[in-house]
C-alpha atoms as a PDB file:
ATOM      1  CA  MET A   1     -84.336  26.741  71.895  1.00  0.00           C
ATOM      2  CA  LEU A   2     -80.934  24.137  72.891  1.00  0.00           C
ATOM      3  CA  GLN A   3     -84.660  21.604  74.374  1.00  0.00           C
ATOM      4  CA  ARG A   4     -85.912  22.014  70.956  1.00  0.00           C
ATOM      5  CA  PHE A   5     -83.307  20.886  69.707  1.00  0.00           C
ATOM      6  CA  GLY A   6     -82.758  18.146  71.452  1.00  0.00           C
ATOM      7  CA  GLN A   7     -86.310  17.094  70.550  1.00  0.00           C
ATOM      8  CA  ALA A   8     -85.897  17.229  66.865  1.00  0.00           C
ATOM      9  CA  ASP A   9     -88.612  19.586  67.424  1.00  0.00           C
ATOM     10  CA  SER A  10     -87.395  22.271  64.987  1.00  0.00           C
ATOM     11  CA  ARG A  11     -86.369  22.721  61.111  1.00  0.00           C
ATOM     12  CA  ILE A  12     -83.376  24.923  60.363  1.00  0.00           C
ATOM     13  CA  LEU A  13     -82.998  25.486  56.779  1.00  0.00           C
ATOM     14  CA  VAL A  14     -79.179  27.522  56.199  1.00  0.00           C
ATOM     15  CA  SER A  15     -77.968  28.846  52.771  1.00  0.00           C
ATOM     16  CA  GLU A  16     -74.275  29.201  51.862  1.00  0.00           C
ATOM     17  CA  ASN A  17     -72.042  31.883  49.245  1.00  0.00           C
ATOM     18  CA  ARG A  18     -69.798  29.713  47.043  1.00  0.00           C
ATOM     19  CA  GLU A  19     -67.329  29.003  49.030  1.00  0.00           C
ATOM     20  CA  GLY A  20     -69.555  26.990  51.332  1.00  0.00           C
ATOM     21  CA  ALA A  21     -69.622  29.854  54.160  1.00  0.00           C
ATOM     22  CA  LEU A  22     -73.548  31.086  55.384  1.00  0.00           C
ATOM     23  CA  THR A  23     -75.226  33.331  54.794  1.00  0.00           C
ATOM     24  CA  GLY A  24     -79.067  33.037  55.639  1.00  0.00           C
ATOM     25  CA  PHE A  25     -81.276  30.417  57.977  1.00  0.00           C
ATOM     26  CA  VAL A  26     -84.537  30.072  58.049  1.00  0.00           C
ATOM     27  CA  GLN A  27     -86.044  28.449  61.623  1.00  0.00           C
ATOM     28  CA  LEU A  28     -89.540  26.491  61.900  1.00  0.00           C
ATOM     29  CA  TYR A  29     -91.160  25.165  64.597  1.00  0.00           C
ATOM     30  CA  PRO A  30     -94.143  22.553  64.186  1.00  0.00           C
ATOM     31  CA  GLY A  31     -97.514  22.864  65.589  1.00  0.00           C
ATOM     32  CA  VAL A  32    -100.624  21.926  65.786  1.00  0.00           C
ATOM     33  CA  SER A  33    -104.215  23.716  64.593  1.00  0.00           C
ATOM     34  CA  THR A  34    -106.665  22.736  67.188  1.00  0.00           C
ATOM     35  CA  VAL A  35    -109.538  24.314  65.658  1.00  0.00           C
ATOM     36  CA  GLY A  36    -108.633  23.781  61.988  1.00  0.00           C
ATOM     37  CA  LEU A  37    -107.327  20.350  63.238  1.00  0.00           C
ATOM     38  CA  ASN A  38    -104.014  20.152  60.960  1.00  0.00           C
ATOM     39  CA  ALA A  39    -100.724  20.842  61.139  1.00  0.00           C
ATOM     40  CA  ARG A  40     -99.155  24.992  61.243  1.00  0.00           C
ATOM     41  CA  TRP A  41     -95.788  25.560  61.480  1.00  0.00           C
ATOM     42  CA  THR A  42     -94.603  28.728  62.891  1.00  0.00           C
ATOM     43  CA  LEU A  43     -91.565  30.245  61.148  1.00  0.00           C
ATOM     44  CA  ASN A  44     -89.733  31.737  64.255  1.00  0.00           C
ATOM     45  CA  ASP A  45     -87.048  33.003  62.794  1.00  0.00           C
ATOM     46  CA  LEU A  46     -84.944  34.327  59.616  1.00  0.00           C
ATOM     47  CA  PHE A  47     -82.274  36.572  59.005  1.00  0.00           C
ATOM     48  CA  VAL A  48     -79.626  36.876  56.205  1.00  0.00           C
ATOM     49  CA  LEU A  49     -76.657  38.233  56.502  1.00  0.00           C
ATOM     50  CA  PRO A  50     -76.374  42.549  56.189  1.00  0.00           C
ATOM     51  CA  GLU A  51     -74.200  42.015  53.497  1.00  0.00           C
ATOM     52  CA  CYS A  52     -76.072  39.212  51.241  1.00  0.00           C
ATOM     53  CA  ARG A  53     -79.445  41.405  52.104  1.00  0.00           C
ATOM     54  CA  GLU A  54     -81.028  42.249  48.812  1.00  0.00           C
ATOM     55  CA  LYS A  55     -79.815  39.074  46.598  1.00  0.00           C
ATOM     56  CA  GLY A  56     -82.784  36.711  46.764  1.00  0.00           C
ATOM     57  CA  THR A  57     -81.226  35.036  49.498  1.00  0.00           C
ATOM     58  CA  GLY A  58     -83.783  36.222  52.404  1.00  0.00           C
ATOM     59  CA  ARG A  59     -86.329  34.895  49.003  1.00  0.00           C
ATOM     60  CA  ALA A  60     -84.748  31.784  48.320  1.00  0.00           C
ATOM     61  CA  LEU A  61     -85.452  30.628  51.966  1.00  0.00           C
ATOM     62  CA  MET A  62     -88.412  31.284  52.330  1.00  0.00           C
ATOM     63  CA  GLU A  63     -89.646  29.643  49.140  1.00  0.00           C
ATOM     64  CA  ALA A  64     -87.385  26.326  50.633  1.00  0.00           C
ATOM     65  CA  ALA A  65     -89.257  26.912  53.641  1.00  0.00           C
ATOM     66  CA  THR A  66     -92.563  26.577  52.178  1.00  0.00           C
ATOM     67  CA  GLN A  67     -91.411  23.769  49.820  1.00  0.00           C
ATOM     68  CA  LEU A  68     -90.797  21.469  52.774  1.00  0.00           C
ATOM     69  CA  ALA A  69     -93.918  22.951  54.445  1.00  0.00           C
ATOM     70  CA  ARG A  70     -95.952  20.896  51.253  1.00  0.00           C
ATOM     71  CA  GLU A  71     -93.428  18.387  51.552  1.00  0.00           C
ATOM     72  CA  HIS A  72     -94.706  16.957  54.624  1.00  0.00           C
ATOM     73  CA  GLY A  73     -98.039  17.817  54.440  1.00  0.00           C
ATOM     74  CA  VAL A  74     -98.236  21.508  56.765  1.00  0.00           C
ATOM     75  CA  ALA A  75    -101.307  23.177  55.844  1.00  0.00           C
ATOM     76  CA  ARG A  76    -100.231  26.625  57.087  1.00  0.00           C
ATOM     77  CA  LEU A  77     -97.715  28.657  57.977  1.00  0.00           C
ATOM     78  CA  ILE A  78     -97.624  31.268  60.427  1.00  0.00           C
ATOM     79  CA  LEU A  79     -94.729  34.328  61.252  1.00  0.00           C
ATOM     80  CA  MET A  80     -94.936  37.028  63.286  1.00  0.00           C
ATOM     81  CA  THR A  81     -92.429  40.490  62.610  1.00  0.00           C
ATOM     82  CA  GLN A  82     -91.980  43.361  63.946  1.00  0.00           C
ATOM     83  CA  VAL A  83     -94.436  46.433  63.425  1.00  0.00           C
ATOM     84  CA  GLU A  84     -91.461  48.541  61.572  1.00  0.00           C
ATOM     85  CA  ASN A  85     -89.334  45.993  59.692  1.00  0.00           C
ATOM     86  CA  GLU A  86     -90.919  46.863  56.346  1.00  0.00           C
ATOM     87  CA  ARG A  87     -88.510  45.376  54.547  1.00  0.00           C
ATOM     88  CA  ALA A  88     -89.040  42.260  55.549  1.00  0.00           C
ATOM     89  CA  GLN A  89     -92.267  43.016  55.385  1.00  0.00           C
ATOM     90  CA  ARG A  90     -92.024  43.886  51.463  1.00  0.00           C
ATOM     91  CA  LEU A  91     -90.751  40.537  50.866  1.00  0.00           C
ATOM     92  CA  TYR A  92     -93.302  38.345  53.106  1.00  0.00           C
ATOM     93  CA  GLU A  93     -96.065  40.182  51.020  1.00  0.00           C
ATOM     94  CA  SER A  94     -94.626  39.512  46.970  1.00  0.00           C
ATOM     95  CA  LEU A  95     -94.518  35.459  48.609  1.00  0.00           C
ATOM     96  CA  GLY A  96     -97.937  35.881  49.344  1.00  0.00           C
ATOM     97  CA  TRP A  97     -98.336  36.169  52.935  1.00  0.00           C
ATOM     98  CA  GLN A  98    -101.318  37.890  54.187  1.00  0.00           C
ATOM     99  CA  ARG A  99    -101.106  39.724  56.575  1.00  0.00           C
ATOM    100  CA  ASN A 100    -103.126  39.050  59.519  1.00  0.00           C
ATOM    101  CA  THR A 101    -105.842  41.642  60.877  1.00  0.00           C
ATOM    102  CA  ALA A 102    -108.604  39.605  62.261  1.00  0.00           C
ATOM    103  CA  PHE A 103    -106.660  39.024  65.815  1.00  0.00           C
ATOM    104  CA  TYR A 104    -104.112  41.056  68.689  1.00  0.00           C
ATOM    105  CA  GLY A 105    -100.665  39.439  69.217  1.00  0.00           C
ATOM    106  CA  TYR A 106    -100.018  39.488  73.153  1.00  0.00           C
ATOM    107  CA  LEU A 107     -97.083  39.087  75.041  1.00  0.00           C
ATOM    108  CA  LEU A 108     -96.654  39.145  78.873  1.00  0.00           C
ATOM    109  CA  ASP A 109     -92.713  38.947  79.858  1.00  0.00           C
ATOM    110  CA  VAL A 110     -92.514  36.793  83.082  1.00  0.00           C
ATOM    111  CA  LYS A 111     -88.719  37.074  84.535  1.00  0.00           C
END
């Protein structure tokens, strides 16, 4: 992750409370679709402090990420979430995100 920061290859949006303390963040990584020949960003991290959940913080961060993508001419945002993370899935779907049913995801640990 530090390598990507050094390359300015990541965008991070944060939320703060009235006192200026951080309450959450969303991190986006740019990419290119070789099939669609257009820009897409991967929403890699969405985190909201437990005490700030269900108060609109995650929704505001997701909406800000979408707006930033529009401003940069990004054609598509993509993300993955754990199968059991139903709270996040409800948020994403309420914002118009569509579950991908056309592809399987695979992982390979190489440690």
